[in-house]
PDB file of N, CA and C in Angstrom:
ATOM      1  N   MET A   1       0.733  -0.998  -0.200  1.00  0.00           N
ATOM      2  CA  MET A   1       0.077  -0.016  -0.267  1.00  0.00           C
ATOM      3  C   MET A   1       0.701   1.351  -0.017  1.00  0.00           C
ATOM      4  N   ASN A   2       0.684   2.398  -0.932  1.00  0.00           N
ATOM      5  CA  ASN A   2       1.274   3.416  -0.603  1.00  0.00           C
ATOM      6  C   ASN A   2       0.541   4.680  -0.803  1.00  0.00           C
ATOM      7  N   ASN A   3       1.000   5.680  -0.278  1.00  0.00           N
ATOM      8  CA  ASN A   3       0.405   6.806   0.010  1.00  0.00           C
ATOM      9  C   ASN A   3       1.075   8.184  -0.572  1.00  0.00           C
ATOM     10  N   PHE A   4       0.190   8.521  -1.414  1.00  0.00           N
ATOM     11  CA  PHE A   4       0.392   9.477  -2.306  1.00  0.00           C
ATOM     12  C   PHE A   4      -0.026  11.000  -1.922  1.00  0.00           C
ATOM     13  N   ILE A   5       0.831  12.228  -2.459  1.00  0.00           N
ATOM     14  CA  ILE A   5      -0.109  13.477  -2.673  1.00  0.00           C
ATOM     15  C   ILE A   5      -0.092  14.226  -3.920  1.00  0.00           C
ATOM     16  N   ILE A   6      -1.606  14.580  -4.425  1.00  0.00           N
ATOM     17  CA  ILE A   6      -1.595  14.622  -6.186  1.00  0.00           C
ATOM     18  C   ILE A   6      -1.367  16.184  -5.876  1.00  0.00           C
ATOM     19  N   ASP A   7      -0.720  16.966  -6.905  1.00  0.00           N
ATOM     20  CA  ASP A   7      -0.915  18.259  -7.027  1.00  0.00           C
ATOM     21  C   ASP A   7      -1.275  18.305  -7.915  1.00  0.00           C
ATOM     22  N   VAL A   8      -2.858  18.983  -8.132  1.00  0.00           N
ATOM     23  CA  VAL A   8      -3.561  19.028  -9.351  1.00  0.00           C
ATOM     24  C   VAL A   8      -4.089  20.823  -9.173  1.00  0.00           C
ATOM     25  N   GLU A   9      -4.698  21.077 -10.304  1.00  0.00           N
ATOM     26  CA  GLU A   9      -5.637  22.210 -10.633  1.00  0.00           C
ATOM     27  C   GLU A   9      -6.881  22.106 -10.089  1.00  0.00           C
ATOM     28  N   THR A  10      -7.230  23.291  -8.914  1.00  0.00           N
ATOM     29  CA  THR A  10      -7.707  23.126  -8.451  1.00  0.00           C
ATOM     30  C   THR A  10      -9.610  22.730  -9.226  1.00  0.00           C
ATOM     31  N   GLN A  11      -9.643  23.168 -10.652  1.00  0.00           N
ATOM     32  CA  GLN A  11     -10.634  23.041 -11.163  1.00  0.00           C
ATOM     33  C   GLN A  11     -10.994  21.438 -11.657  1.00  0.00           C
ATOM     34  N   ASP A  12      -9.815  20.765 -11.434  1.00  0.00           N
ATOM     35  CA  ASP A  12     -10.102  19.287 -11.664  1.00  0.00           C
ATOM     36  C   ASP A  12     -10.260  18.386 -10.995  1.00  0.00           C
ATOM     37  N   LYS A  13     -10.165  18.439  -9.619  1.00  0.00           N
ATOM     38  CA  LYS A  13      -9.771  18.665  -8.396  1.00  0.00           C
ATOM     39  C   LYS A  13     -11.053  17.502  -8.068  1.00  0.00           C
ATOM     40  N   ASN A  14     -12.444  17.954  -7.842  1.00  0.00           N
ATOM     41  CA  ASN A  14     -13.150  16.860  -7.678  1.00  0.00           C
ATOM     42  C   ASN A  14     -13.649  15.816  -8.656  1.00  0.00           C
ATOM     43  N   ASN A  15     -12.869  16.541  -9.744  1.00  0.00           N
ATOM     44  CA  ASN A  15     -13.075  15.150 -11.036  1.00  0.00           C
ATOM     45  C   ASN A  15     -12.247  14.127 -11.171  1.00  0.00           C
ATOM     46  N   LEU A  16     -10.779  14.331 -10.323  1.00  0.00           N
ATOM     47  CA  LEU A  16      -9.754  13.764 -10.243  1.00  0.00           C
ATOM     48  C   LEU A  16     -10.341  13.048  -9.141  1.00  0.00           C
ATOM     49  N   ILE A  17     -10.713  13.237  -7.575  1.00  0.00           N
ATOM     50  CA  ILE A  17     -11.192  12.433  -6.671  1.00  0.00           C
ATOM     51  C   ILE A  17     -12.487  11.509  -7.124  1.00  0.00           C
ATOM     52  N   ARG A  18     -13.686  11.853  -7.773  1.00  0.00           N
ATOM     53  CA  ARG A  18     -14.299  10.773  -8.605  1.00  0.00           C
ATOM     54  C   ARG A  18     -13.611   9.767  -9.039  1.00  0.00           C
ATOM     55  N   ARG A  19     -12.601  10.020  -9.963  1.00  0.00           N
ATOM     56  CA  ARG A  19     -12.148   9.077 -11.044  1.00  0.00           C
ATOM     57  C   ARG A  19     -11.145   7.788  -9.943  1.00  0.00           C
ATOM     58  N   LEU A  20     -10.556   8.767  -9.148  1.00  0.00           N
ATOM     59  CA  LEU A  20      -9.678   7.546  -8.574  1.00  0.00           C
ATOM     60  C   LEU A  20     -10.464   6.558  -7.459  1.00  0.00           C
ATOM     61  N   SER A  21     -11.645   7.446  -6.836  1.00  0.00           N
ATOM     62  CA  SER A  21     -12.544   6.938  -5.851  1.00  0.00           C
ATOM     63  C   SER A  21     -13.173   5.390  -6.702  1.00  0.00           C
ATOM     64  N   ARG A  22     -13.288   5.379  -7.861  1.00  0.00           N
ATOM     65  CA  ARG A  22     -13.591   4.322  -9.023  1.00  0.00           C
ATOM     66  C   ARG A  22     -13.048   2.828  -8.980  1.00  0.00           C
ATOM     67  N   LEU A  23     -11.835   3.247  -8.651  1.00  0.00           N
ATOM     68  CA  LEU A  23     -10.959   2.036  -8.878  1.00  0.00           C
ATOM     69  C   LEU A  23     -10.223   1.681  -8.018  1.00  0.00           C
ATOM     70  N   LYS A  24     -10.502  -0.101  -8.304  1.00  0.00           N
ATOM     71  CA  LYS A  24     -10.431  -1.142  -7.466  1.00  0.00           C
ATOM     72  C   LYS A  24      -9.537  -1.358  -6.628  1.00  0.00           C
ATOM     73  N   ASP A  25      -7.551  -0.728  -6.648  1.00  0.00           N
ATOM     74  CA  ASP A  25      -6.909  -0.496  -5.815  1.00  0.00           C
ATOM     75  C   ASP A  25      -6.914   0.912  -4.982  1.00  0.00           C
ATOM     76  N   THR A  26      -7.666   1.975  -5.383  1.00  0.00           N
ATOM     77  CA  THR A  26      -7.599   2.785  -4.499  1.00  0.00           C
ATOM     78  C   THR A  26      -8.771   2.693  -2.970  1.00  0.00           C
ATOM     79  N   ILE A  27      -7.364   2.287  -1.915  1.00  0.00           N
ATOM     80  CA  ILE A  27      -8.249   2.081  -0.604  1.00  0.00           C
ATOM     81  C   ILE A  27      -8.659   3.417   0.364  1.00  0.00           C
ATOM     82  N   SER A  28      -8.284   4.454  -0.373  1.00  0.00           N
ATOM     83  CA  SER A  28      -8.854   5.776  -0.220  1.00  0.00           C
ATOM     84  C   SER A  28      -8.416   7.251  -0.848  1.00  0.00           C
ATOM     85  N   CYS A  29      -9.409   7.924  -1.022  1.00  0.00           N
ATOM     86  CA  CYS A  29      -9.018   9.326  -1.895  1.00  0.00           C
ATOM     87  C   CYS A  29      -9.694  10.373  -0.834  1.00  0.00           C
ATOM     88  N   GLU A  30      -8.833  11.498  -0.787  1.00  0.00           N
ATOM     89  CA  GLU A  30      -9.405  12.519   0.136  1.00  0.00           C
ATOM     90  C   GLU A  30      -8.998  13.621  -0.827  1.00  0.00           C
ATOM     91  N   ASP A  31      -9.911  14.970  -0.248  1.00  0.00           N
ATOM     92  CA  ASP A  31      -9.369  16.165  -0.688  1.00  0.00           C
ATOM     93  C   ASP A  31      -8.446  16.788   1.144  1.00  0.00           C
ATOM     94  N   GLY A  32      -7.270  16.818  -0.247  1.00  0.00           N
ATOM     95  CA  GLY A  32      -6.609  17.309   0.949  1.00  0.00           C
ATOM     96  C   GLY A  32      -6.365  18.832   1.206  1.00  0.00           C
ATOM     97  N   GLY A  33      -6.835  19.772   0.393  1.00  0.00           N
ATOM     98  CA  GLY A  33      -7.317  21.101   0.619  1.00  0.00           C
ATOM     99  C   GLY A  33      -6.457  22.291  -0.815  1.00  0.00           C
ATOM    100  N   ILE A  34      -6.953  23.201  -0.312  1.00  0.00           N
ATOM    101  CA  ILE A  34      -6.602  24.377  -1.776  1.00  0.00           C
ATOM    102  C   ILE A  34      -4.855  24.822  -1.201  1.00  0.00           C
ATOM    103  N   TYR A  35      -3.971  24.886  -2.128  1.00  0.00           N
ATOM    104  CA  TYR A  35      -2.819  26.065  -1.391  1.00  0.00           C
ATOM    105  C   TYR A  35      -2.874  27.246  -1.079  1.00  0.00           C
ATOM    106  N   HIS A  36      -2.813  27.538   0.039  1.00  0.00           N
ATOM    107  CA  HIS A  36      -3.041  29.360   0.371  1.00  0.00           C
ATOM    108  C   HIS A  36      -2.365  30.248  -0.621  1.00  0.00           C
ATOM    109  N   PHE A  37      -1.045  29.920  -1.131  1.00  0.00           N
ATOM    110  CA  PHE A  37       0.014  30.700  -1.527  1.00  0.00           C
ATOM    111  C   PHE A  37      -0.819  30.551  -2.938  1.00  0.00           C
ATOM    112  N   ASP A  38      -1.264  29.507  -3.145  1.00  0.00           N
ATOM    113  CA  ASP A  38      -1.752  29.406  -4.977  1.00  0.00           C
ATOM    114  C   ASP A  38      -3.063  28.886  -5.318  1.00  0.00           C
ATOM    115  N   LYS A  39      -4.261  29.575  -5.139  1.00  0.00           N
ATOM    116  CA  LYS A  39      -5.815  29.166  -4.467  1.00  0.00           C
ATOM    117  C   LYS A  39      -6.108  28.010  -5.972  1.00  0.00           C
ATOM    118  N   SER A  40      -5.086  28.337  -7.239  1.00  0.00           N
ATOM    119  CA  SER A  40      -5.493  27.903  -8.511  1.00  0.00           C
ATOM    120  C   SER A  40      -5.348  25.974  -8.236  1.00  0.00           C
ATOM    121  N   TYR A  41      -4.153  25.489  -7.491  1.00  0.00           N
ATOM    122  CA  TYR A  41      -3.779  24.538  -7.263  1.00  0.00           C
ATOM    123  C   TYR A  41      -4.373  23.742  -5.945  1.00  0.00           C
ATOM    124  N   SER A  42      -4.405  22.382  -5.615  1.00  0.00           N
ATOM    125  CA  SER A  42      -4.992  21.939  -5.046  1.00  0.00           C
ATOM    126  C   SER A  42      -3.911  20.747  -4.180  1.00  0.00           C
ATOM    127  N   GLN A  43      -4.203  19.985  -3.673  1.00  0.00           N
ATOM    128  CA  GLN A  43      -3.851  18.721  -3.488  1.00  0.00           C
ATOM    129  C   GLN A  43      -4.778  17.349  -2.587  1.00  0.00           C
ATOM    130  N   VAL A  44      -4.525  16.273  -3.627  1.00  0.00           N
ATOM    131  CA  VAL A  44      -5.058  15.121  -3.611  1.00  0.00           C
ATOM    132  C   VAL A  44      -4.430  13.708  -2.360  1.00  0.00           C
ATOM    133  N   TRP A  45      -4.767  13.396  -1.574  1.00  0.00           N
ATOM    134  CA  TRP A  45      -4.364  12.171  -0.954  1.00  0.00           C
ATOM    135  C   TRP A  45      -4.858  11.231  -1.302  1.00  0.00           C
ATOM    136  N   LEU A  46      -4.242  10.634  -1.614  1.00  0.00           N
ATOM    137  CA  LEU A  46      -4.436   8.846  -2.103  1.00  0.00           C
ATOM    138  C   LEU A  46      -3.891   8.437  -1.264  1.00  0.00           C
ATOM    139  N   GLU A  47      -4.893   6.850  -0.914  1.00  0.00           N
ATOM    140  CA  GLU A  47      -4.304   5.491  -0.504  1.00  0.00           C
ATOM    141  C   GLU A  47      -4.536   4.130  -1.307  1.00  0.00           C
ATOM    142  N   THR A  48      -3.246   3.805  -2.532  1.00  0.00           N
ATOM    143  CA  THR A  48      -3.622   2.822  -3.360  1.00  0.00           C
ATOM    144  C   THR A  48      -2.572   1.678  -2.900  1.00  0.00           C
ATOM    145  N   ASN A  49      -3.006   0.664  -4.034  1.00  0.00           N
ATOM    146  CA  ASN A  49      -2.349  -0.364  -4.065  1.00  0.00           C
ATOM    147  C   ASN A  49      -0.835  -0.496  -5.489  1.00  0.00           C
ATOM    148  N   TRP A  50      -1.444   1.021  -5.811  1.00  0.00           N
ATOM    149  CA  TRP A  50      -0.597   0.810  -7.029  1.00  0.00           C
ATOM    150  C   TRP A  50       1.157   1.959  -6.322  1.00  0.00           C
ATOM    151  N   ASP A  51       1.951   1.506  -7.768  1.00  0.00           N
ATOM    152  CA  ASP A  51       3.231   2.475  -7.590  1.00  0.00           C
ATOM    153  C   ASP A  51       3.245   3.412  -7.629  1.00  0.00           C
ATOM    154  N   SER A  52       4.249   4.354  -7.468  1.00  0.00           N
ATOM    155  CA  SER A  52       4.317   5.433  -8.267  1.00  0.00           C
ATOM    156  C   SER A  52       4.415   5.882 -10.014  1.00  0.00           C
ATOM    157  N   GLU A  53       4.679   4.848 -10.876  1.00  0.00           N
ATOM    158  CA  GLU A  53       4.870   4.196 -11.745  1.00  0.00           C
ATOM    159  C   GLU A  53       3.975   3.884 -12.363  1.00  0.00           C
ATOM    160  N   LYS A  54       2.919   2.953 -12.126  1.00  0.00           N
ATOM    161  CA  LYS A  54       1.455   3.428 -12.687  1.00  0.00           C
ATOM    162  C   LYS A  54       0.433   4.615 -11.870  1.00  0.00           C
ATOM    163  N   LEU A  55       0.930   5.198 -11.098  1.00  0.00           N
ATOM    164  CA  LEU A  55       0.137   6.551 -10.784  1.00  0.00           C
ATOM    165  C   LEU A  55       0.657   7.246 -11.710  1.00  0.00           C
ATOM    166  N   GLU A  56       1.092   7.478 -11.795  1.00  0.00           N
ATOM    167  CA  GLU A  56       1.961   8.771 -12.633  1.00  0.00           C
ATOM    168  C   GLU A  56       1.444   8.473 -14.408  1.00  0.00           C
ATOM    169  N   ASN A  57       1.828   7.178 -15.144  1.00  0.00           N
ATOM    170  CA  ASN A  57       0.873   7.056 -16.224  1.00  0.00           C
ATOM    171  C   ASN A  57      -0.518   6.731 -16.069  1.00  0.00           C
ATOM    172  N   TRP A  58      -1.078   6.823 -14.989  1.00  0.00           N
ATOM    173  CA  TRP A  58      -2.971   6.818 -15.350  1.00  0.00           C
ATOM    174  C   TRP A  58      -2.878   8.127 -15.611  1.00  0.00           C
ATOM    175  N   LEU A  59      -2.566   9.021 -14.446  1.00  0.00           N
ATOM    176  CA  LEU A  59      -2.941   9.943 -14.094  1.00  0.00           C
ATOM    177  C   LEU A  59      -1.986  11.391 -16.575  1.00  0.00           C
ATOM    178  N   TYR A  60      -1.020  10.601 -16.567  1.00  0.00           N
ATOM    179  CA  TYR A  60      -0.539  10.969 -17.758  1.00  0.00           C
ATOM    180  C   TYR A  60      -1.832  10.676 -18.446  1.00  0.00           C
ATOM    181  N   ASN A  61      -2.075   9.549 -18.784  1.00  0.00           N
ATOM    182  CA  ASN A  61      -3.272   9.451 -20.176  1.00  0.00           C
ATOM    183  C   ASN A  61      -4.891   9.817 -19.402  1.00  0.00           C
ATOM    184  N   THR A  62      -4.610   9.913 -18.328  1.00  0.00           N
ATOM    185  CA  THR A  62      -6.428  10.619 -18.349  1.00  0.00           C
ATOM    186  C   THR A  62      -6.856  12.323 -18.450  1.00  0.00           C
ATOM    187  N   LYS A  63      -8.221  11.837 -19.753  1.00  0.00           N
ATOM    188  CA  LYS A  63      -8.149  13.043 -19.909  1.00  0.00           C
ATOM    189  C   LYS A  63      -8.684  14.270 -19.278  1.00  0.00           C
ATOM    190  N   ASN A  64      -8.537  15.254 -19.243  1.00  0.00           N
ATOM    191  CA  ASN A  64      -9.226  16.603 -18.540  1.00  0.00           C
ATOM    192  C   ASN A  64      -8.703  16.667 -16.661  1.00  0.00           C
ATOM    193  N   ILE A  65      -7.601  15.974 -16.582  1.00  0.00           N
ATOM    194  CA  ILE A  65      -7.279  16.104 -15.602  1.00  0.00           C
ATOM    195  C   ILE A  65      -6.113  16.512 -15.735  1.00  0.00           C
ATOM    196  N   ASN A  66      -5.454  17.508 -14.749  1.00  0.00           N
ATOM    197  CA  ASN A  66      -3.822  18.929 -14.906  1.00  0.00           C
ATOM    198  C   ASN A  66      -3.761  18.578 -13.811  1.00  0.00           C
ATOM    199  N   TYR A  67      -2.561  17.805 -13.837  1.00  0.00           N
ATOM    200  CA  TYR A  67      -2.007  17.711 -12.735  1.00  0.00           C
ATOM    201  C   TYR A  67      -0.633  17.931 -12.509  1.00  0.00           C
ATOM    202  N   VAL A  68       0.377  18.294 -11.346  1.00  0.00           N
ATOM    203  CA  VAL A  68       0.926  18.945 -11.374  1.00  0.00           C
ATOM    204  C   VAL A  68       2.686  17.906 -11.210  1.00  0.00           C
ATOM    205  N   GLY A  69       2.258  17.124 -10.640  1.00  0.00           N
ATOM    206  CA  GLY A  69       2.986  16.036 -10.020  1.00  0.00           C
ATOM    207  C   GLY A  69       2.596  14.922  -8.741  1.00  0.00           C
ATOM    208  N   ILE A  70       3.327  14.077  -8.086  1.00  0.00           N
ATOM    209  CA  ILE A  70       3.007  13.487  -7.684  1.00  0.00           C
ATOM    210  C   ILE A  70       4.095  13.639  -6.158  1.00  0.00           C
ATOM    211  N   VAL A  71       3.765  13.284  -5.000  1.00  0.00           N
ATOM    212  CA  VAL A  71       4.896  12.919  -3.901  1.00  0.00           C
ATOM    213  C   VAL A  71       4.208  11.259  -3.161  1.00  0.00           C
ATOM    214  N   LEU A  72       5.418  10.801  -2.753  1.00  0.00           N
ATOM    215  CA  LEU A  72       5.327   9.444  -2.408  1.00  0.00           C
ATOM    216  C   LEU A  72       5.454   9.555  -0.871  1.00  0.00           C
ATOM    217  N   MET A  73       4.610   8.961  -0.169  1.00  0.00           N
ATOM    218  CA  MET A  73       4.821   9.735   1.370  1.00  0.00           C
ATOM    219  C   MET A  73       5.335   8.220   1.871  1.00  0.00           C
ATOM    220  N   LYS A  74       5.747   8.397   3.126  1.00  0.00           N
ATOM    221  CA  LYS A  74       6.579   7.249   3.692  1.00  0.00           C
ATOM    222  C   LYS A  74       5.690   6.814   4.621  1.00  0.00           C
TER     223      LYS A  74
END
């Protein structure tokens, strides 16, 4: 099991949470909040069975989701 923070454009946050929540490998997916210094970006907190490579590939290939990057939490 891996925990990630996904930085995403705020306008796409709810769509990303909805899509990730539907995946069978998702354990939990939560709204991590909006960045105070730039409200156009938000965090999504994800707990999943995927590794970072699989998550990056899924995010890259998912249409209408503008994400900045991911951080693997230990």
